[in-house]
mmCIF file of all heavy atoms, coordinates in Angstrom:
data_MODEL
# 
_entry.id   MODEL 
# 
loop_
_atom_site.group_PDB 
_atom_site.id 
_atom_site.type_symbol 
_atom_site.label_atom_id 
_atom_site.label_alt_id 
_atom_site.label_comp_id 
_atom_site.label_asym_id 
_atom_site.label_entity_id 
_atom_site.label_seq_id 
_atom_site.pdbx_PDB_ins_code 
_atom_site.Cartn_x 
_atom_site.Cartn_y 
_atom_site.Cartn_z 
_atom_site.occupancy 
_atom_site.B_iso_or_equiv 
_atom_site.pdbx_formal_charge 
_atom_site.auth_seq_id 
_atom_site.auth_comp_id 
_atom_site.auth_asym_id 
_atom_site.auth_atom_id 
_atom_site.pdbx_PDB_model_num 
ATOM 1   N N   . GLU A 1 1  ? 13.088 -24.063 6.837   1.00 0.00 ? 1  GLU A N   1 
ATOM 2   C CA  . GLU A 1 1  ? 12.777 -23.516 5.509   1.00 0.00 ? 1  GLU A CA  1 
ATOM 3   C C   . GLU A 1 1  ? 11.538 -24.186 4.923   1.00 0.00 ? 1  GLU A C   1 
ATOM 4   O O   . GLU A 1 1  ? 11.344 -25.396 5.063   1.00 0.00 ? 1  GLU A O   1 
ATOM 5   C CB  . GLU A 1 1  ? 13.972 -23.736 4.567   1.00 0.00 ? 1  GLU A CB  1 
ATOM 6   C CG  . GLU A 1 1  ? 15.188 -22.926 4.983   1.00 0.00 ? 1  GLU A CG  1 
ATOM 7   C CD  . GLU A 1 1  ? 16.429 -23.224 4.155   1.00 0.00 ? 1  GLU A CD  1 
ATOM 8   O OE1 . GLU A 1 1  ? 16.385 -24.123 3.285   1.00 0.00 ? 1  GLU A OE1 1 
ATOM 9   O OE2 . GLU A 1 1  ? 17.455 -22.552 4.395   1.00 0.00 ? 1  GLU A OE2 1 
ATOM 10  N N   . VAL A 1 2  ? 10.725 -23.370 4.264   1.00 0.00 ? 2  VAL A N   1 
ATOM 11  C CA  . VAL A 1 2  ? 9.547  -23.876 3.561   1.00 0.00 ? 2  VAL A CA  1 
ATOM 12  C C   . VAL A 1 2  ? 9.630  -23.383 2.122   1.00 0.00 ? 2  VAL A C   1 
ATOM 13  O O   . VAL A 1 2  ? 9.739  -22.176 1.877   1.00 0.00 ? 2  VAL A O   1 
ATOM 14  C CB  . VAL A 1 2  ? 8.232  -23.386 4.223   1.00 0.00 ? 2  VAL A CB  1 
ATOM 15  C CG1 . VAL A 1 2  ? 7.024  -23.880 3.434   1.00 0.00 ? 2  VAL A CG1 1 
ATOM 16  C CG2 . VAL A 1 2  ? 8.156  -23.870 5.677   1.00 0.00 ? 2  VAL A CG2 1 
ATOM 17  N N   . ILE A 1 3  ? 9.617  -24.320 1.188   1.00 0.00 ? 3  ILE A N   1 
ATOM 18  C CA  . ILE A 1 3  ? 9.708  -23.949 -0.231  1.00 0.00 ? 3  ILE A CA  1 
ATOM 19  C C   . ILE A 1 3  ? 8.340  -23.473 -0.709  1.00 0.00 ? 3  ILE A C   1 
ATOM 20  O O   . ILE A 1 3  ? 7.331  -24.172 -0.562  1.00 0.00 ? 3  ILE A O   1 
ATOM 21  C CB  . ILE A 1 3  ? 10.200 -25.132 -1.084  1.00 0.00 ? 3  ILE A CB  1 
ATOM 22  C CG1 . ILE A 1 3  ? 11.638 -25.499 -0.661  1.00 0.00 ? 3  ILE A CG1 1 
ATOM 23  C CG2 . ILE A 1 3  ? 10.150 -24.791 -2.574  1.00 0.00 ? 3  ILE A CG2 1 
ATOM 24  C CD1 . ILE A 1 3  ? 12.169 -26.770 -1.306  1.00 0.00 ? 3  ILE A CD1 1 
ATOM 25  N N   . VAL A 1 4  ? 8.336  -22.258 -1.271  1.00 0.00 ? 4  VAL A N   1 
ATOM 26  C CA  . VAL A 1 4  ? 7.100  -21.646 -1.752  1.00 0.00 ? 4  VAL A CA  1 
ATOM 27  C C   . VAL A 1 4  ? 7.290  -21.290 -3.226  1.00 0.00 ? 4  VAL A C   1 
ATOM 28  O O   . VAL A 1 4  ? 7.985  -20.319 -3.545  1.00 0.00 ? 4  VAL A O   1 
ATOM 29  C CB  . VAL A 1 4  ? 6.755  -20.376 -0.941  1.00 0.00 ? 4  VAL A CB  1 
ATOM 30  C CG1 . VAL A 1 4  ? 5.420  -19.789 -1.401  1.00 0.00 ? 4  VAL A CG1 1 
ATOM 31  C CG2 . VAL A 1 4  ? 6.723  -20.663 0.560   1.00 0.00 ? 4  VAL A CG2 1 
ATOM 32  N N   . PRO A 1 5  ? 6.723  -22.086 -4.150  1.00 0.00 ? 5  PRO A N   1 
ATOM 33  C CA  . PRO A 1 5  ? 6.838  -21.726 -5.567  1.00 0.00 ? 5  PRO A CA  1 
ATOM 34  C C   . PRO A 1 5  ? 6.133  -20.396 -5.840  1.00 0.00 ? 5  PRO A C   1 
ATOM 35  O O   . PRO A 1 5  ? 5.046  -20.147 -5.314  1.00 0.00 ? 5  PRO A O   1 
ATOM 36  C CB  . PRO A 1 5  ? 6.120  -22.877 -6.290  1.00 0.00 ? 5  PRO A CB  1 
ATOM 37  C CG  . PRO A 1 5  ? 6.156  -24.023 -5.319  1.00 0.00 ? 5  PRO A CG  1 
ATOM 38  C CD  . PRO A 1 5  ? 6.036  -23.378 -3.966  1.00 0.00 ? 5  PRO A CD  1 
ATOM 39  N N   . ALA A 1 6  ? 6.776  -19.538 -6.636  1.00 0.00 ? 6  ALA A N   1 
ATOM 40  C CA  . ALA A 1 6  ? 6.160  -18.270 -7.034  1.00 0.00 ? 6  ALA A CA  1 
ATOM 41  C C   . ALA A 1 6  ? 5.820  -18.343 -8.517  1.00 0.00 ? 6  ALA A C   1 
ATOM 42  O O   . ALA A 1 6  ? 6.583  -18.932 -9.275  1.00 0.00 ? 6  ALA A O   1 
ATOM 43  C CB  . ALA A 1 6  ? 7.114  -17.114 -6.776  1.00 0.00 ? 6  ALA A CB  1 
ATOM 44  N N   . PRO A 1 7  ? 4.685  -17.774 -8.928  1.00 0.00 ? 7  PRO A N   1 
ATOM 45  C CA  . PRO A 1 7  ? 3.721  -16.993 -8.163  1.00 0.00 ? 7  PRO A CA  1 
ATOM 46  C C   . PRO A 1 7  ? 3.034  -17.824 -7.065  1.00 0.00 ? 7  PRO A C   1 
ATOM 47  O O   . PRO A 1 7  ? 2.666  -18.977 -7.296  1.00 0.00 ? 7  PRO A O   1 
ATOM 48  C CB  . PRO A 1 7  ? 2.698  -16.570 -9.221  1.00 0.00 ? 7  PRO A CB  1 
ATOM 49  C CG  . PRO A 1 7  ? 3.386  -16.730 -10.539 1.00 0.00 ? 7  PRO A CG  1 
ATOM 50  C CD  . PRO A 1 7  ? 4.315  -17.872 -10.367 1.00 0.00 ? 7  PRO A CD  1 
ATOM 51  N N   . TYR A 1 8  ? 2.891  -17.201 -5.892  1.00 0.00 ? 8  TYR A N   1 
ATOM 52  C CA  . TYR A 1 8  ? 2.245  -17.884 -4.774  1.00 0.00 ? 8  TYR A CA  1 
ATOM 53  C C   . TYR A 1 8  ? 1.043  -17.070 -4.305  1.00 0.00 ? 8  TYR A C   1 
ATOM 54  O O   . TYR A 1 8  ? 0.946  -15.863 -4.557  1.00 0.00 ? 8  TYR A O   1 
ATOM 55  C CB  . TYR A 1 8  ? 3.223  -18.060 -3.605  1.00 0.00 ? 8  TYR A CB  1 
ATOM 56  C CG  . TYR A 1 8  ? 4.030  -16.831 -3.261  1.00 0.00 ? 8  TYR A CG  1 
ATOM 57  C CD1 . TYR A 1 8  ? 3.419  -15.700 -2.696  1.00 0.00 ? 8  TYR A CD1 1 
ATOM 58  C CD2 . TYR A 1 8  ? 5.411  -16.777 -3.496  1.00 0.00 ? 8  TYR A CD2 1 
ATOM 59  C CE1 . TYR A 1 8  ? 4.166  -14.570 -2.379  1.00 0.00 ? 8  TYR A CE1 1 
ATOM 60  C CE2 . TYR A 1 8  ? 6.148  -15.641 -3.181  1.00 0.00 ? 8  TYR A CE2 1 
ATOM 61  C CZ  . TYR A 1 8  ? 5.527  -14.546 -2.626  1.00 0.00 ? 8  TYR A CZ  1 
ATOM 62  O OH  . TYR A 1 8  ? 6.246  -13.422 -2.319  1.00 0.00 ? 8  TYR A OH  1 
ATOM 63  N N   . TRP A 1 9  ? 0.152  -17.748 -3.590  1.00 0.00 ? 9  TRP A N   1 
ATOM 64  C CA  . TRP A 1 9  ? -0.950 -17.039 -2.943  1.00 0.00 ? 9  TRP A CA  1 
ATOM 65  C C   . TRP A 1 9  ? -0.357 -16.152 -1.845  1.00 0.00 ? 9  TRP A C   1 
ATOM 66  O O   . TRP A 1 9  ? 0.558  -16.580 -1.128  1.00 0.00 ? 9  TRP A O   1 
ATOM 67  C CB  . TRP A 1 9  ? -1.947 -18.045 -2.376  1.00 0.00 ? 9  TRP A CB  1 
ATOM 68  C CG  . TRP A 1 9  ? -3.112 -17.414 -1.680  1.00 0.00 ? 9  TRP A CG  1 
ATOM 69  C CD1 . TRP A 1 9  ? -3.901 -16.391 -2.151  1.00 0.00 ? 9  TRP A CD1 1 
ATOM 70  C CD2 . TRP A 1 9  ? -3.640 -17.770 -0.403  1.00 0.00 ? 9  TRP A CD2 1 
ATOM 71  N NE1 . TRP A 1 9  ? -4.877 -16.098 -1.230  1.00 0.00 ? 9  TRP A NE1 1 
ATOM 72  C CE2 . TRP A 1 9  ? -4.738 -16.919 -0.146  1.00 0.00 ? 9  TRP A CE2 1 
ATOM 73  C CE3 . TRP A 1 9  ? -3.286 -18.723 0.562   1.00 0.00 ? 9  TRP A CE3 1 
ATOM 74  C CZ2 . TRP A 1 9  ? -5.484 -16.998 1.022   1.00 0.00 ? 9  TRP A CZ2 1 
ATOM 75  C CZ3 . TRP A 1 9  ? -4.030 -18.808 1.710   1.00 0.00 ? 9  TRP A CZ3 1 
ATOM 76  C CH2 . TRP A 1 9  ? -5.122 -17.946 1.934   1.00 0.00 ? 9  TRP A CH2 1 
ATOM 77  N N   . VAL A 1 10 ? -0.865 -14.940 -1.729  1.00 0.00 ? 10 VAL A N   1 
ATOM 78  C CA  . VAL A 1 10 ? -0.234 -13.919 -0.882  1.00 0.00 ? 10 VAL A CA  1 
ATOM 79  C C   . VAL A 1 10 ? 0.036  -14.372 0.554   1.00 0.00 ? 10 VAL A C   1 
ATOM 80  O O   . VAL A 1 10 ? 1.003  -13.931 1.172   1.00 0.00 ? 10 VAL A O   1 
ATOM 81  C CB  . VAL A 1 10 ? -1.077 -12.616 -0.834  1.00 0.00 ? 10 VAL A CB  1 
ATOM 82  C CG1 . VAL A 1 10 ? -1.146 -11.968 -2.203  1.00 0.00 ? 10 VAL A CG1 1 
ATOM 83  C CG2 . VAL A 1 10 ? -2.481 -12.865 -0.302  1.00 0.00 ? 10 VAL A CG2 1 
ATOM 84  N N   . SER A 1 11 ? -0.795 -15.258 1.097   1.00 0.00 ? 11 SER A N   1 
ATOM 85  C CA  . SER A 1 11 ? -0.667 -15.581 2.533   1.00 0.00 ? 11 SER A CA  1 
ATOM 86  C C   . SER A 1 11 ? 0.386  -16.639 2.855   1.00 0.00 ? 11 SER A C   1 
ATOM 87  O O   . SER A 1 11 ? 0.795  -16.749 4.011   1.00 0.00 ? 11 SER A O   1 
ATOM 88  C CB  . SER A 1 11 ? -2.027 -16.037 3.092   1.00 0.00 ? 11 SER A CB  1 
ATOM 89  O OG  . SER A 1 11 ? -2.967 -14.991 3.005   1.00 0.00 ? 11 SER A OG  1 
ATOM 90  N N   . TYR A 1 12 ? 0.834  -17.428 1.868   1.00 0.00 ? 12 TYR A N   1 
ATOM 91  C CA  . TYR A 1 12 ? 1.772  -18.514 2.201   1.00 0.00 ? 12 TYR A CA  1 
ATOM 92  C C   . TYR A 1 12 ? 3.049  -18.029 2.893   1.00 0.00 ? 12 TYR A C   1 
ATOM 93  O O   . TYR A 1 12 ? 3.384  -18.510 3.977   1.00 0.00 ? 12 TYR A O   1 
ATOM 94  C CB  . TYR A 1 12 ? 2.164  -19.334 0.969   1.00 0.00 ? 12 TYR A CB  1 
ATOM 95  C CG  . TYR A 1 12 ? 1.057  -20.108 0.287   1.00 0.00 ? 12 TYR A CG  1 
ATOM 96  C CD1 . TYR A 1 12 ? 1.090  -20.326 -1.083  1.00 0.00 ? 12 TYR A CD1 1 
ATOM 97  C CD2 . TYR A 1 12 ? -0.012 -20.652 1.007   1.00 0.00 ? 12 TYR A CD2 1 
ATOM 98  C CE1 . TYR A 1 12 ? 0.085  -21.043 -1.726  1.00 0.00 ? 12 TYR A CE1 1 
ATOM 99  C CE2 . TYR A 1 12 ? -1.018 -21.362 0.366   1.00 0.00 ? 12 TYR A CE2 1 
ATOM 100 C CZ  . TYR A 1 12 ? -0.966 -21.551 -1.008  1.00 0.00 ? 12 TYR A CZ  1 
ATOM 101 O OH  . TYR A 1 12 ? -1.945 -22.258 -1.648  1.00 0.00 ? 12 TYR A OH  1 
ATOM 102 N N   . PRO A 1 13 ? 3.800  -17.091 2.289   1.00 0.00 ? 13 PRO A N   1 
ATOM 103 C CA  . PRO A 1 13 ? 5.050  -16.683 2.944   1.00 0.00 ? 13 PRO A CA  1 
ATOM 104 C C   . PRO A 1 13 ? 4.785  -16.038 4.306   1.00 0.00 ? 13 PRO A C   1 
ATOM 105 O O   . PRO A 1 13 ? 5.578  -16.196 5.235   1.00 0.00 ? 13 PRO A O   1 
ATOM 106 C CB  . PRO A 1 13 ? 5.673  -15.659 1.983   1.00 0.00 ? 13 PRO A CB  1 
ATOM 107 C CG  . PRO A 1 13 ? 4.896  -15.739 0.733   1.00 0.00 ? 13 PRO A CG  1 
ATOM 108 C CD  . PRO A 1 13 ? 3.584  -16.383 1.015   1.00 0.00 ? 13 PRO A CD  1 
ATOM 109 N N   . GLU A 1 14 ? 3.660  -15.328 4.413   1.00 0.00 ? 14 GLU A N   1 
ATOM 110 C CA  . GLU A 1 14 ? 3.334  -14.650 5.672   1.00 0.00 ? 14 GLU A CA  1 
ATOM 111 C C   . GLU A 1 14 ? 3.056  -15.671 6.773   1.00 0.00 ? 14 GLU A C   1 
ATOM 112 O O   . GLU A 1 14 ? 3.433  -15.489 7.931   1.00 0.00 ? 14 GLU A O   1 
ATOM 113 C CB  . GLU A 1 14 ? 2.132  -13.723 5.480   1.00 0.00 ? 14 GLU A CB  1 
ATOM 114 C CG  . GLU A 1 14 ? 2.320  -12.681 4.371   1.00 0.00 ? 14 GLU A CG  1 
ATOM 115 C CD  . GLU A 1 14 ? 3.549  -11.807 4.561   1.00 0.00 ? 14 GLU A CD  1 
ATOM 116 O OE1 . GLU A 1 14 ? 3.835  -11.407 5.702   1.00 0.00 ? 14 GLU A OE1 1 
ATOM 117 O OE2 . GLU A 1 14 ? 4.246  -11.526 3.554   1.00 0.00 ? 14 GLU A OE2 1 
ATOM 118 N N   . MET A 1 15 ? 2.379  -16.772 6.421   1.00 0.00 ? 15 MET A N   1 
ATOM 119 C CA  . MET A 1 15 ? 2.113  -17.831 7.397   1.00 0.00 ? 15 MET A CA  1 
ATOM 120 C C   . MET A 1 15 ? 3.415  -18.489 7.852   1.00 0.00 ? 15 MET A C   1 
ATOM 121 O O   . MET A 1 15 ? 3.578  -18.830 9.031   1.00 0.00 ? 15 MET A O   1 
ATOM 122 C CB  . MET A 1 15 ? 1.184  -18.885 6.793   1.00 0.00 ? 15 MET A CB  1 
ATOM 123 C CG  . MET A 1 15 ? -0.247 -18.412 6.602   1.00 0.00 ? 15 MET A CG  1 
ATOM 124 S SD  . MET A 1 15 ? -1.161 -19.643 5.634   1.00 0.00 ? 15 MET A SD  1 
ATOM 125 C CE  . MET A 1 15 ? -2.803 -18.923 5.630   1.00 0.00 ? 15 MET A CE  1 
ATOM 126 N N   . VAL A 1 16 ? 4.336  -18.667 6.908   1.00 0.00 ? 16 VAL A N   1 
ATOM 127 C CA  . VAL A 1 16 ? 5.643  -19.252 7.258   1.00 0.00 ? 16 VAL A CA  1 
ATOM 128 C C   . VAL A 1 16 ? 6.373  -18.315 8.228   1.00 0.00 ? 16 VAL A C   1 
ATOM 129 O O   . VAL A 1 16 ? 6.954  -18.758 9.226   1.00 0.00 ? 16 VAL A O   1 
ATOM 130 C CB  . VAL A 1 16 ? 6.492  -19.523 5.992   1.00 0.00 ? 16 VAL A CB  1 
ATOM 131 C CG1 . VAL A 1 16 ? 7.901  -19.973 6.367   1.00 0.00 ? 16 VAL A CG1 1 
ATOM 132 C CG2 . VAL A 1 16 ? 5.812  -20.574 5.103   1.00 0.00 ? 16 VAL A CG2 1 
ATOM 133 N N   . LYS A 1 17 ? 6.293  -17.012 7.949   1.00 0.00 ? 17 LYS A N   1 
ATOM 134 C CA  . LYS A 1 17 ? 6.925  -16.028 8.838   1.00 0.00 ? 17 LYS A CA  1 
ATOM 135 C C   . LYS A 1 17 ? 6.286  -16.057 10.226  1.00 0.00 ? 17 LYS A C   1 
ATOM 136 O O   . LYS A 1 17 ? 6.966  -15.908 11.239  1.00 0.00 ? 17 LYS A O   1 
ATOM 137 C CB  . LYS A 1 17 ? 6.807  -14.620 8.241   1.00 0.00 ? 17 LYS A CB  1 
ATOM 138 C CG  . LYS A 1 17 ? 7.749  -14.346 7.081   1.00 0.00 ? 17 LYS A CG  1 
ATOM 139 C CD  . LYS A 1 17 ? 7.794  -12.847 6.818   1.00 0.00 ? 17 LYS A CD  1 
ATOM 140 C CE  . LYS A 1 17 ? 7.243  -12.469 5.477   1.00 0.00 ? 17 LYS A CE  1 
ATOM 141 N NZ  . LYS A 1 17 ? 6.983  -11.034 5.330   1.00 0.00 ? 17 LYS A NZ  1 
ATOM 142 N N   . LEU A 1 18 ? 4.983  -16.245 10.256  1.00 0.00 ? 18 LEU A N   1 
ATOM 143 C CA  . LEU A 1 18 ? 4.253  -16.324 11.527  1.00 0.00 ? 18 LEU A CA  1 
ATOM 144 C C   . LEU A 1 18 ? 4.792  -17.474 12.376  1.00 0.00 ? 18 LEU A C   1 
ATOM 145 O O   . LEU A 1 18 ? 4.871  -17.383 13.597  1.00 0.00 ? 18 LEU A O   1 
ATOM 146 C CB  . LEU A 1 18 ? 2.765  -16.544 11.221  1.00 0.00 ? 18 LEU A CB  1 
ATOM 147 C CG  . LEU A 1 18 ? 1.725  -16.223 12.272  1.00 0.00 ? 18 LEU A CG  1 
ATOM 148 C CD1 . LEU A 1 18 ? 1.833  -14.789 12.753  1.00 0.00 ? 18 LEU A CD1 1 
ATOM 149 C CD2 . LEU A 1 18 ? 0.320  -16.463 11.710  1.00 0.00 ? 18 LEU A CD2 1 
ATOM 150 N N   . ALA A 1 19 ? 5.173  -18.569 11.703  1.00 0.00 ? 19 ALA A N   1 
ATOM 151 C CA  . ALA A 1 19 ? 5.730  -19.733 12.406  1.00 0.00 ? 19 ALA A CA  1 
ATOM 152 C C   . ALA A 1 19 ? 7.231  -19.567 12.664  1.00 0.00 ? 19 ALA A C   1 
ATOM 153 O O   . ALA A 1 19 ? 7.880  -20.497 13.144  1.00 0.00 ? 19 ALA A O   1 
ATOM 154 C CB  . ALA A 1 19 ? 5.479  -20.992 11.578  1.00 0.00 ? 19 ALA A CB  1 
ATOM 155 N N   . GLU A 1 20 ? 7.765  -18.383 12.326  1.00 0.00 ? 20 GLU A N   1 
ATOM 156 C CA  . GLU A 1 20 ? 9.196  -18.074 12.468  1.00 0.00 ? 20 GLU A CA  1 
ATOM 157 C C   . GLU A 1 20 ? 10.071 -18.944 11.578  1.00 0.00 ? 20 GLU A C   1 
ATOM 158 O O   . GLU A 1 20 ? 11.235 -19.208 11.866  1.00 0.00 ? 20 GLU A O   1 
ATOM 159 C CB  . GLU A 1 20 ? 9.638  -18.147 13.940  1.00 0.00 ? 20 GLU A CB  1 
ATOM 160 C CG  . GLU A 1 20 ? 8.918  -17.140 14.829  1.00 0.00 ? 20 GLU A CG  1 
ATOM 161 C CD  . GLU A 1 20 ? 9.332  -17.258 16.286  1.00 0.00 ? 20 GLU A CD  1 
ATOM 162 O OE1 . GLU A 1 20 ? 10.536 -17.132 16.570  1.00 0.00 ? 20 GLU A OE1 1 
ATOM 163 O OE2 . GLU A 1 20 ? 8.440  -17.489 17.126  1.00 0.00 ? 20 GLU A OE2 1 
ATOM 164 N N   . GLY A 1 21 ? 9.462  -19.425 10.503  1.00 0.00 ? 21 GLY A N   1 
ATOM 165 C CA  . GLY A 1 21 ? 10.224 -20.160 9.501   1.00 0.00 ? 21 GLY A CA  1 
ATOM 166 C C   . GLY A 1 21 ? 10.702 -19.204 8.419   1.00 0.00 ? 21 GLY A C   1 
ATOM 167 O O   . GLY A 1 21 ? 10.434 -17.996 8.462   1.00 0.00 ? 21 GLY A O   1 
ATOM 168 N N   . LYS A 1 22 ? 11.409 -19.775 7.426   1.00 0.00 ? 22 LYS A N   1 
ATOM 169 C CA  . LYS A 1 22 ? 11.964 -18.949 6.351   1.00 0.00 ? 22 LYS A CA  1 
ATOM 170 C C   . LYS A 1 22 ? 11.359 -19.399 5.016   1.00 0.00 ? 22 LYS A C   1 
ATOM 171 O O   . LYS A 1 22 ? 11.578 -20.552 4.613   1.00 0.00 ? 22 LYS A O   1 
ATOM 172 C CB  . LYS A 1 22 ? 13.485 -19.123 6.340   1.00 0.00 ? 22 LYS A CB  1 
ATOM 173 C CG  . LYS A 1 22 ? 14.175 -18.292 5.283   1.00 0.00 ? 22 LYS A CG  1 
ATOM 174 C CD  . LYS A 1 22 ? 15.699 -18.419 5.398   1.00 0.00 ? 22 LYS A CD  1 
ATOM 175 C CE  . LYS A 1 22 ? 16.365 -17.693 4.246   1.00 0.00 ? 22 LYS A CE  1 
ATOM 176 N NZ  . LYS A 1 22 ? 17.101 -18.545 3.331   1.00 0.00 ? 22 LYS A NZ  1 
ATOM 177 N N   . PRO A 1 23 ? 10.568 -18.528 4.355   1.00 0.00 ? 23 PRO A N   1 
ATOM 178 C CA  . PRO A 1 23 ? 10.062 -18.907 3.039   1.00 0.00 ? 23 PRO A CA  1 
ATOM 179 C C   . PRO A 1 23 ? 11.197 -18.911 2.021   1.00 0.00 ? 23 PRO A C   1 
ATOM 180 O O   . PRO A 1 23 ? 11.953 -17.946 1.933   1.00 0.00 ? 23 PRO A O   1 
ATOM 181 C CB  . PRO A 1 23 ? 9.044  -17.808 2.701   1.00 0.00 ? 23 PRO A CB  1 
ATOM 182 C CG  . PRO A 1 23 ? 9.014  -16.859 3.850   1.00 0.00 ? 23 PRO A CG  1 
ATOM 183 C CD  . PRO A 1 23 ? 10.156 -17.175 4.757   1.00 0.00 ? 23 PRO A CD  1 
ATOM 184 N N   . VAL A 1 24 ? 11.347 -20.008 1.287   1.00 0.00 ? 24 VAL A N   1 
ATOM 185 C CA  . VAL A 1 24 ? 12.347 -20.090 0.223   1.00 0.00 ? 24 VAL A CA  1 
ATOM 186 C C   . VAL A 1 24 ? 11.568 -20.069 -1.090  1.00 0.00 ? 24 VAL A C   1 
ATOM 187 O O   . VAL A 1 24 ? 10.861 -21.020 -1.429  1.00 0.00 ? 24 VAL A O   1 
ATOM 188 C CB  . VAL A 1 24 ? 13.179 -21.386 0.341   1.00 0.00 ? 24 VAL A CB  1 
ATOM 189 C CG1 . VAL A 1 24 ? 14.109 -21.547 -0.860  1.00 0.00 ? 24 VAL A CG1 1 
ATOM 190 C CG2 . VAL A 1 24 ? 13.968 -21.378 1.648   1.00 0.00 ? 24 VAL A CG2 1 
ATOM 191 N N   . VAL A 1 25 ? 11.675 -18.961 -1.787  1.00 0.00 ? 25 VAL A N   1 
ATOM 192 C CA  . VAL A 1 25 ? 10.838 -18.750 -2.969  1.00 0.00 ? 25 VAL A CA  1 
ATOM 193 C C   . VAL A 1 25 ? 11.530 -19.295 -4.218  1.00 0.00 ? 25 VAL A C   1 
ATOM 194 O O   . VAL A 1 25 ? 12.694 -18.988 -4.476  1.00 0.00 ? 25 VAL A O   1 
ATOM 195 C CB  . VAL A 1 25 ? 10.498 -17.251 -3.130  1.00 0.00 ? 25 VAL A CB  1 
ATOM 196 C CG1 . VAL A 1 25 ? 9.740  -16.996 -4.430  1.00 0.00 ? 25 VAL A CG1 1 
ATOM 197 C CG2 . VAL A 1 25 ? 9.673  -16.772 -1.933  1.00 0.00 ? 25 VAL A CG2 1 
ATOM 198 N N   . VAL A 1 26 ? 10.812 -20.135 -4.961  1.00 0.00 ? 26 VAL A N   1 
ATOM 199 C CA  . VAL A 1 26 ? 11.318 -20.694 -6.220  1.00 0.00 ? 26 VAL A CA  1 
ATOM 200 C C   . VAL A 1 26 ? 10.420 -20.145 -7.326  1.00 0.00 ? 26 VAL A C   1 
ATOM 201 O O   . VAL A 1 26 ? 9.217  -20.385 -7.333  1.00 0.00 ? 26 VAL A O   1 
ATOM 202 C CB  . VAL A 1 26 ? 11.244 -22.239 -6.204  1.00 0.00 ? 26 VAL A CB  1 
ATOM 203 C CG1 . VAL A 1 26 ? 11.699 -22.802 -7.540  1.00 0.00 ? 26 VAL A CG1 1 
ATOM 204 C CG2 . VAL A 1 26 ? 12.089 -22.794 -5.068  1.00 0.00 ? 26 VAL A CG2 1 
ATOM 205 N N   . THR A 1 27 ? 11.023 -19.396 -8.237  1.00 0.00 ? 27 THR A N   1 
ATOM 206 C CA  . THR A 1 27 ? 10.211 -18.659 -9.217  1.00 0.00 ? 27 THR A CA  1 
ATOM 207 C C   . THR A 1 27 ? 10.047 -19.409 -10.532 1.00 0.00 ? 27 THR A C   1 
ATOM 208 O O   . THR A 1 27 ? 11.011 -19.894 -11.110 1.00 0.00 ? 27 THR A O   1 
ATOM 209 C CB  . THR A 1 27 ? 10.855 -17.282 -9.492  1.00 0.00 ? 27 THR A CB  1 
ATOM 210 O OG1 . THR A 1 27 ? 11.006 -16.615 -8.239  1.00 0.00 ? 27 THR A OG1 1 
ATOM 211 C CG2 . THR A 1 27 ? 9.993  -16.432 -10.394 1.00 0.00 ? 27 THR A CG2 1 
ATOM 212 N N   . ALA A 1 28 ? 8.792  -19.481 -10.982 1.00 0.00 ? 28 ALA A N   1 
ATOM 213 C CA  . ALA A 1 28 ? 8.475  -20.073 -12.287 1.00 0.00 ? 28 ALA A CA  1 
ATOM 214 C C   . ALA A 1 28 ? 7.775  -19.002 -13.116 1.00 0.00 ? 28 ALA A C   1 
ATOM 215 O O   . ALA A 1 28 ? 6.720  -18.508 -12.722 1.00 0.00 ? 28 ALA A O   1 
ATOM 216 C CB  . ALA A 1 28 ? 7.571  -21.285 -12.106 1.00 0.00 ? 28 ALA A CB  1 
# 
């Protein structure tokens, strides 16, 4: 899992997916 605070830059979750990881979005 990779914690990605939202709003995030569009490419972060996609890069995590590319590594077969799981983006965990934390919304502010």
